């Protein structure tokens, strides 16, 4: 299970983009131990949009022929 939901990540990213609080203050506000996840979420959101905040839930399965 993910530590933070997609909705929470999006909420924090939008708060950052409003410009009132920086990374460290947002981390304190939401009781996070450090601000590095927020920095990563903002970069992913700026590059990929909402899809960047979603978890990859599928493990890839490769055939034996492909592995060889």
PDB file of N, CA and C in Angstrom:
ATOM      1  N   UNK A   1       0.840  -1.180   0.000  1.00  0.00           N
ATOM      2  CA  UNK A   1       0.000   0.000   0.000  1.00  0.00           C
ATOM      3  C   UNK A   1       0.883   1.240   0.000  1.00  0.00           C
ATOM      4  N   UNK A   2       0.471   2.241  -0.719  1.00  0.00           N
ATOM      5  CA  UNK A   2       1.239   3.479  -0.829  1.00  0.00           C
ATOM      6  C   UNK A   2       1.157   4.265   0.473  1.00  0.00           C
ATOM      7  N   UNK A   3       2.226   4.969   0.764  1.00  0.00           N
ATOM      8  CA  UNK A   3       2.255   5.764   1.976  1.00  0.00           C
ATOM      9  C   UNK A   3       1.362   6.990   1.843  1.00  0.00           C
ATOM     10  N   UNK A   4       1.341   7.580   0.644  1.00  0.00           N
ATOM     11  CA  UNK A   4       0.523   8.765   0.405  1.00  0.00           C
ATOM     12  C   UNK A   4      -0.384   8.505  -0.795  1.00  0.00           C
ATOM     13  N   UNK A   5      -1.637   8.899  -0.673  1.00  0.00           N
ATOM     14  CA  UNK A   5      -2.584   8.681  -1.767  1.00  0.00           C
ATOM     15  C   UNK A   5      -2.357   9.694  -2.887  1.00  0.00           C
ATOM     16  N   UNK A   6      -2.904   9.391  -4.043  1.00  0.00           N
ATOM     17  CA  UNK A   6      -2.789  10.286  -5.189  1.00  0.00           C
ATOM     18  C   UNK A   6      -3.476  11.623  -4.901  1.00  0.00           C
ATOM     19  N   UNK A   7      -4.609  11.579  -4.196  1.00  0.00           N
ATOM     20  CA  UNK A   7      -5.330  12.805  -3.866  1.00  0.00           C
ATOM     21  C   UNK A   7      -4.503  13.692  -2.943  1.00  0.00           C
ATOM     22  N   UNK A   8      -3.840  13.082  -1.962  1.00  0.00           N
ATOM     23  CA  UNK A   8      -2.999  13.843  -1.041  1.00  0.00           C
ATOM     24  C   UNK A   8      -1.839  14.491  -1.785  1.00  0.00           C
ATOM     25  N   UNK A   9      -1.185  13.722  -2.663  1.00  0.00           N
ATOM     26  CA  UNK A   9      -0.063  14.252  -3.434  1.00  0.00           C
ATOM     27  C   UNK A   9      -0.501  15.443  -4.275  1.00  0.00           C
ATOM     28  N   UNK A  10      -1.645  15.306  -4.944  1.00  0.00           N
ATOM     29  CA  UNK A  10      -2.152  16.375  -5.793  1.00  0.00           C
ATOM     30  C   UNK A  10      -2.478  17.611  -4.965  1.00  0.00           C
ATOM     31  N   UNK A  11      -3.067  17.420  -3.791  1.00  0.00           N
ATOM     32  CA  UNK A  11      -3.407  18.531  -2.918  1.00  0.00           C
ATOM     33  C   UNK A  11      -2.145  19.293  -2.503  1.00  0.00           C
ATOM     34  N   UNK A  12      -1.096  18.564  -2.131  1.00  0.00           N
ATOM     35  CA  UNK A  12       0.149  19.190  -1.692  1.00  0.00           C
ATOM     36  C   UNK A  12       0.818  19.921  -2.855  1.00  0.00           C
ATOM     37  N   UNK A  13       0.824  19.319  -4.029  1.00  0.00           N
ATOM     38  CA  UNK A  13       1.427  19.956  -5.206  1.00  0.00           C
ATOM     39  C   UNK A  13       0.693  21.255  -5.530  1.00  0.00           C
ATOM     40  N   UNK A  14      -0.620  21.227  -5.479  1.00  0.00           N
ATOM     41  CA  UNK A  14      -1.396  22.441  -5.779  1.00  0.00           C
ATOM     42  C   UNK A  14      -1.154  23.523  -4.732  1.00  0.00           C
ATOM     43  N   UNK A  15      -1.029  23.121  -3.466  1.00  0.00           N
ATOM     44  CA  UNK A  15      -0.702  24.098  -2.424  1.00  0.00           C
ATOM     45  C   UNK A  15       0.643  24.752  -2.719  1.00  0.00           C
ATOM     46  N   UNK A  16       1.609  23.957  -3.146  1.00  0.00           N
ATOM     47  CA  UNK A  16       2.927  24.508  -3.474  1.00  0.00           C
ATOM     48  C   UNK A  16       2.824  25.472  -4.650  1.00  0.00           C
ATOM     49  N   UNK A  17       2.056  25.101  -5.667  1.00  0.00           N
ATOM     50  CA  UNK A  17       1.951  25.932  -6.861  1.00  0.00           C
ATOM     51  C   UNK A  17       1.224  27.247  -6.608  1.00  0.00           C
ATOM     52  N   UNK A  18       0.387  27.295  -5.570  1.00  0.00           N
ATOM     53  CA  UNK A  18      -0.259  28.555  -5.211  1.00  0.00           C
ATOM     54  C   UNK A  18       0.766  29.576  -4.724  1.00  0.00           C
ATOM     55  N   UNK A  19       1.894  29.086  -4.217  1.00  0.00           N
ATOM     56  CA  UNK A  19       2.995  29.967  -3.887  1.00  0.00           C
ATOM     57  C   UNK A  19       3.038  30.519  -2.479  1.00  0.00           C
ATOM     58  N   UNK A  20       2.129  30.124  -1.608  1.00  0.00           N
ATOM     59  CA  UNK A  20       2.120  30.670  -0.250  1.00  0.00           C
ATOM     60  C   UNK A  20       3.115  29.975   0.666  1.00  0.00           C
ATOM     61  N   UNK A  21       3.369  28.703   0.436  1.00  0.00           N
ATOM     62  CA  UNK A  21       4.276  27.932   1.290  1.00  0.00           C
ATOM     63  C   UNK A  21       5.330  27.244   0.440  1.00  0.00           C
ATOM     64  N   UNK A  22       6.527  27.114   1.005  1.00  0.00           N
ATOM     65  CA  UNK A  22       7.602  26.403   0.329  1.00  0.00           C
ATOM     66  C   UNK A  22       7.574  24.928   0.688  1.00  0.00           C
ATOM     67  N   UNK A  23       8.577  24.213   0.193  1.00  0.00           N
ATOM     68  CA  UNK A  23       8.643  22.770   0.429  1.00  0.00           C
ATOM     69  C   UNK A  23       8.694  22.429   1.917  1.00  0.00           C
ATOM     70  N   UNK A  24       9.576  23.091   2.644  1.00  0.00           N
ATOM     71  CA  UNK A  24       9.755  22.753   4.056  1.00  0.00           C
ATOM     72  C   UNK A  24       8.513  23.075   4.885  1.00  0.00           C
ATOM     73  N   UNK A  25       7.882  24.199   4.607  1.00  0.00           N
ATOM     74  CA  UNK A  25       6.687  24.566   5.365  1.00  0.00           C
ATOM     75  C   UNK A  25       5.519  23.619   5.056  1.00  0.00           C
ATOM     76  N   UNK A  26       5.413  23.194   3.818  1.00  0.00           N
ATOM     77  CA  UNK A  26       4.371  22.218   3.474  1.00  0.00           C
ATOM     78  C   UNK A  26       4.617  20.893   4.184  1.00  0.00           C
ATOM     79  N   UNK A  27       5.875  20.484   4.256  1.00  0.00           N
ATOM     80  CA  UNK A  27       6.200  19.234   4.948  1.00  0.00           C
ATOM     81  C   UNK A  27       5.813  19.331   6.420  1.00  0.00           C
ATOM     82  N   UNK A  28       6.097  20.457   7.047  1.00  0.00           N
ATOM     83  CA  UNK A  28       5.714  20.650   8.452  1.00  0.00           C
ATOM     84  C   UNK A  28       4.202  20.655   8.611  1.00  0.00           C
ATOM     85  N   UNK A  29       3.519  21.358   7.720  1.00  0.00           N
ATOM     86  CA  UNK A  29       2.069  21.481   7.795  1.00  0.00           C
ATOM     87  C   UNK A  29       1.388  20.113   7.725  1.00  0.00           C
ATOM     88  N   UNK A  30       1.924  19.227   6.904  1.00  0.00           N
ATOM     89  CA  UNK A  30       1.303  17.907   6.707  1.00  0.00           C
ATOM     90  C   UNK A  30       2.012  16.797   7.491  1.00  0.00           C
ATOM     91  N   UNK A  31       2.826  17.190   8.469  1.00  0.00           N
ATOM     92  CA  UNK A  31       3.504  16.251   9.387  1.00  0.00           C
ATOM     93  C   UNK A  31       4.363  15.232   8.643  1.00  0.00           C
ATOM     94  N   UNK A  32       5.082  15.692   7.648  1.00  0.00           N
ATOM     95  CA  UNK A  32       6.001  14.824   6.919  1.00  0.00           C
ATOM     96  C   UNK A  32       7.397  15.031   7.495  1.00  0.00           C
ATOM     97  N   UNK A  33       8.217  13.979   7.489  1.00  0.00           N
ATOM     98  CA  UNK A  33       9.537  14.067   8.101  1.00  0.00           C
ATOM     99  C   UNK A  33      10.503  14.947   7.316  1.00  0.00           C
ATOM    100  N   UNK A  34      10.388  14.972   5.985  1.00  0.00           N
ATOM    101  CA  UNK A  34      11.220  15.877   5.194  1.00  0.00           C
ATOM    102  C   UNK A  34      10.470  16.295   3.938  1.00  0.00           C
ATOM    103  N   UNK A  35      11.071  17.210   3.191  1.00  0.00           N
ATOM    104  CA  UNK A  35      10.376  17.792   2.042  1.00  0.00           C
ATOM    105  C   UNK A  35      10.749  17.155   0.706  1.00  0.00           C
ATOM    106  N   UNK A  36      11.650  16.182   0.699  1.00  0.00           N
ATOM    107  CA  UNK A  36      12.089  15.610  -0.577  1.00  0.00           C
ATOM    108  C   UNK A  36      10.967  14.935  -1.364  1.00  0.00           C
ATOM    109  N   UNK A  37       9.994  14.239  -0.735  1.00  0.00           N
ATOM    110  CA  UNK A  37       8.903  13.692  -1.546  1.00  0.00           C
ATOM    111  C   UNK A  37       8.094  14.795  -2.242  1.00  0.00           C
ATOM    112  N   UNK A  38       7.904  15.918  -1.576  1.00  0.00           N
ATOM    113  CA  UNK A  38       7.141  17.014  -2.161  1.00  0.00           C
ATOM    114  C   UNK A  38       7.874  17.561  -3.381  1.00  0.00           C
ATOM    115  N   UNK A  39       9.175  17.714  -3.278  1.00  0.00           N
ATOM    116  CA  UNK A  39       9.972  18.193  -4.415  1.00  0.00           C
ATOM    117  C   UNK A  39       9.826  17.242  -5.599  1.00  0.00           C
ATOM    118  N   UNK A  40       9.892  15.942  -5.315  1.00  0.00           N
ATOM    119  CA  UNK A  40       9.760  14.933  -6.375  1.00  0.00           C
ATOM    120  C   UNK A  40       8.368  14.984  -7.003  1.00  0.00           C
ATOM    121  N   UNK A  41       7.325  15.104  -6.159  1.00  0.00           N
ATOM    122  CA  UNK A  41       5.960  15.162  -6.674  1.00  0.00           C
ATOM    123  C   UNK A  41       5.753  16.373  -7.572  1.00  0.00           C
ATOM    124  N   UNK A  42       6.293  17.520  -7.174  1.00  0.00           N
ATOM    125  CA  UNK A  42       6.130  18.739  -7.973  1.00  0.00           C
ATOM    126  C   UNK A  42       6.800  18.567  -9.331  1.00  0.00           C
ATOM    127  N   UNK A  43       8.011  18.017  -9.347  1.00  0.00           N
ATOM    128  CA  UNK A  43       8.713  17.801 -10.617  1.00  0.00           C
ATOM    129  C   UNK A  43       7.958  16.825 -11.509  1.00  0.00           C
ATOM    130  N   UNK A  44       7.472  15.733 -10.928  1.00  0.00           N
ATOM    131  CA  UNK A  44       6.710  14.751 -11.699  1.00  0.00           C
ATOM    132  C   UNK A  44       5.419  15.350 -12.239  1.00  0.00           C
ATOM    133  N   UNK A  45       4.749  16.159 -11.425  1.00  0.00           N
ATOM    134  CA  UNK A  45       3.501  16.773 -11.853  1.00  0.00           C
ATOM    135  C   UNK A  45       3.743  17.760 -12.985  1.00  0.00           C
ATOM    136  N   UNK A  46       4.812  18.536 -12.878  1.00  0.00           N
ATOM    137  CA  UNK A  46       5.127  19.508 -13.926  1.00  0.00           C
ATOM    138  C   UNK A  46       5.492  18.821 -15.238  1.00  0.00           C
ATOM    139  N   UNK A  47       6.131  17.667 -15.152  1.00  0.00           N
ATOM    140  CA  UNK A  47       6.577  16.971 -16.358  1.00  0.00           C
ATOM    141  C   UNK A  47       5.484  16.101 -16.977  1.00  0.00           C
ATOM    142  N   UNK A  48       4.745  15.358 -16.139  1.00  0.00           N
ATOM    143  CA  UNK A  48       3.792  14.371 -16.649  1.00  0.00           C
ATOM    144  C   UNK A  48       2.330  14.661 -16.306  1.00  0.00           C
ATOM    145  N   UNK A  49       2.067  15.672 -15.525  1.00  0.00           N
ATOM    146  CA  UNK A  49       0.691  15.956 -15.108  1.00  0.00           C
ATOM    147  C   UNK A  49       0.251  14.978 -14.028  1.00  0.00           C
ATOM    148  N   UNK A  50      -1.041  14.758 -13.939  1.00  0.00           N
ATOM    149  CA  UNK A  50      -1.604  13.891 -12.904  1.00  0.00           C
ATOM    150  C   UNK A  50      -1.098  12.459 -13.014  1.00  0.00           C
ATOM    151  N   UNK A  51      -0.757  12.024 -14.218  1.00  0.00           N
ATOM    152  CA  UNK A  51      -0.250  10.662 -14.424  1.00  0.00           C
ATOM    153  C   UNK A  51       1.078  10.444 -13.694  1.00  0.00           C
ATOM    154  N   UNK A  52       1.849  11.495 -13.510  1.00  0.00           N
ATOM    155  CA  UNK A  52       3.133  11.380 -12.819  1.00  0.00           C
ATOM    156  C   UNK A  52       2.995  11.062 -11.346  1.00  0.00           C
ATOM    157  N   UNK A  53       1.838  11.363 -10.770  1.00  0.00           N
ATOM    158  CA  UNK A  53       1.625  11.116  -9.347  1.00  0.00           C
ATOM    159  C   UNK A  53       1.033   9.742  -9.064  1.00  0.00           C
ATOM    160  N   UNK A  54       0.614   9.052 -10.114  1.00  0.00           N
ATOM    161  CA  UNK A  54       0.011   7.731  -9.920  1.00  0.00           C
ATOM    162  C   UNK A  54       1.083   6.674  -9.747  1.00  0.00           C
ATOM    163  N   UNK A  55       0.755   5.693  -8.920  1.00  0.00           N
ATOM    164  CA  UNK A  55       1.659   4.563  -8.715  1.00  0.00           C
ATOM    165  C   UNK A  55       1.543   3.585  -9.857  1.00  0.00           C
ATOM    166  N   UNK A  56       2.634   2.948 -10.178  1.00  0.00           N
ATOM    167  CA  UNK A  56       2.612   1.862 -11.149  1.00  0.00           C
ATOM    168  C   UNK A  56       2.230   0.603 -10.384  1.00  0.00           C
ATOM    169  N   UNK A  57       1.103   0.059 -10.686  1.00  0.00           N
ATOM    170  CA  UNK A  57       0.572  -1.060  -9.908  1.00  0.00           C
ATOM    171  C   UNK A  57       0.789  -2.413 -10.557  1.00  0.00           C
ATOM    172  N   UNK A  58       1.372  -2.441 -11.717  1.00  0.00           N
ATOM    173  CA  UNK A  58       1.504  -3.690 -12.444  1.00  0.00           C
ATOM    174  C   UNK A  58       2.954  -4.144 -12.476  1.00  0.00           C
ATOM    175  N   UNK A  59       3.157  -5.395 -12.172  1.00  0.00           N
ATOM    176  CA  UNK A  59       4.473  -5.980 -12.363  1.00  0.00           C
ATOM    177  C   UNK A  59       4.522  -6.523 -13.778  1.00  0.00           C
ATOM    178  N   UNK A  60       5.632  -6.320 -14.430  1.00  0.00           N
ATOM    179  CA  UNK A  60       5.753  -6.801 -15.796  1.00  0.00           C
ATOM    180  C   UNK A  60       6.115  -8.280 -15.786  1.00  0.00           C
ATOM    181  N   UNK A  61       5.503  -9.011 -16.689  1.00  0.00           N
ATOM    182  CA  UNK A  61       5.748 -10.443 -16.826  1.00  0.00           C
ATOM    183  C   UNK A  61       6.366 -10.668 -18.192  1.00  0.00           C
ATOM    184  N   UNK A  62       7.529 -11.311 -18.195  1.00  0.00           N
ATOM    185  CA  UNK A  62       8.245 -11.582 -19.438  1.00  0.00           C
ATOM    186  C   UNK A  62       8.261 -13.087 -19.705  1.00  0.00           C
ATOM    187  N   UNK A  63       8.173 -13.443 -20.956  1.00  0.00           N
ATOM    188  CA  UNK A  63       8.202 -14.847 -21.325  1.00  0.00           C
ATOM    189  C   UNK A  63       9.631 -15.404 -21.190  1.00  0.00           C
ATOM    190  N   UNK A  64       9.738 -16.713 -21.144  1.00  0.00           N
ATOM    191  CA  UNK A  64      11.042 -17.364 -21.044  1.00  0.00           C
ATOM    192  C   UNK A  64      11.880 -17.051 -22.279  1.00  0.00           C
ATOM    193  N   UNK A  65      11.247 -17.047 -23.433  1.00  0.00           N
ATOM    194  CA  UNK A  65      11.975 -16.752 -24.677  1.00  0.00           C
ATOM    195  C   UNK A  65      12.553 -15.342 -24.651  1.00  0.00           C
ATOM    196  N   UNK A  66      11.804 -14.401 -24.129  1.00  0.00           N
ATOM    197  CA  UNK A  66      12.286 -13.027 -24.038  1.00  0.00           C
ATOM    198  C   UNK A  66      13.483 -12.944 -23.083  1.00  0.00           C
ATOM    199  N   UNK A  67      13.388 -13.650 -21.965  1.00  0.00           N
ATOM    200  CA  UNK A  67      14.474 -13.618 -20.972  1.00  0.00           C
ATOM    201  C   UNK A  67      15.760 -14.236 -21.509  1.00  0.00           C
ATOM    202  N   UNK A  68      15.616 -15.229 -22.350  1.00  0.00           N
ATOM    203  CA  UNK A  68      16.812 -15.864 -22.912  1.00  0.00           C
ATOM    204  C   UNK A  68      17.377 -15.007 -24.010  1.00  0.00           C
TER     205      UNK A  68
END
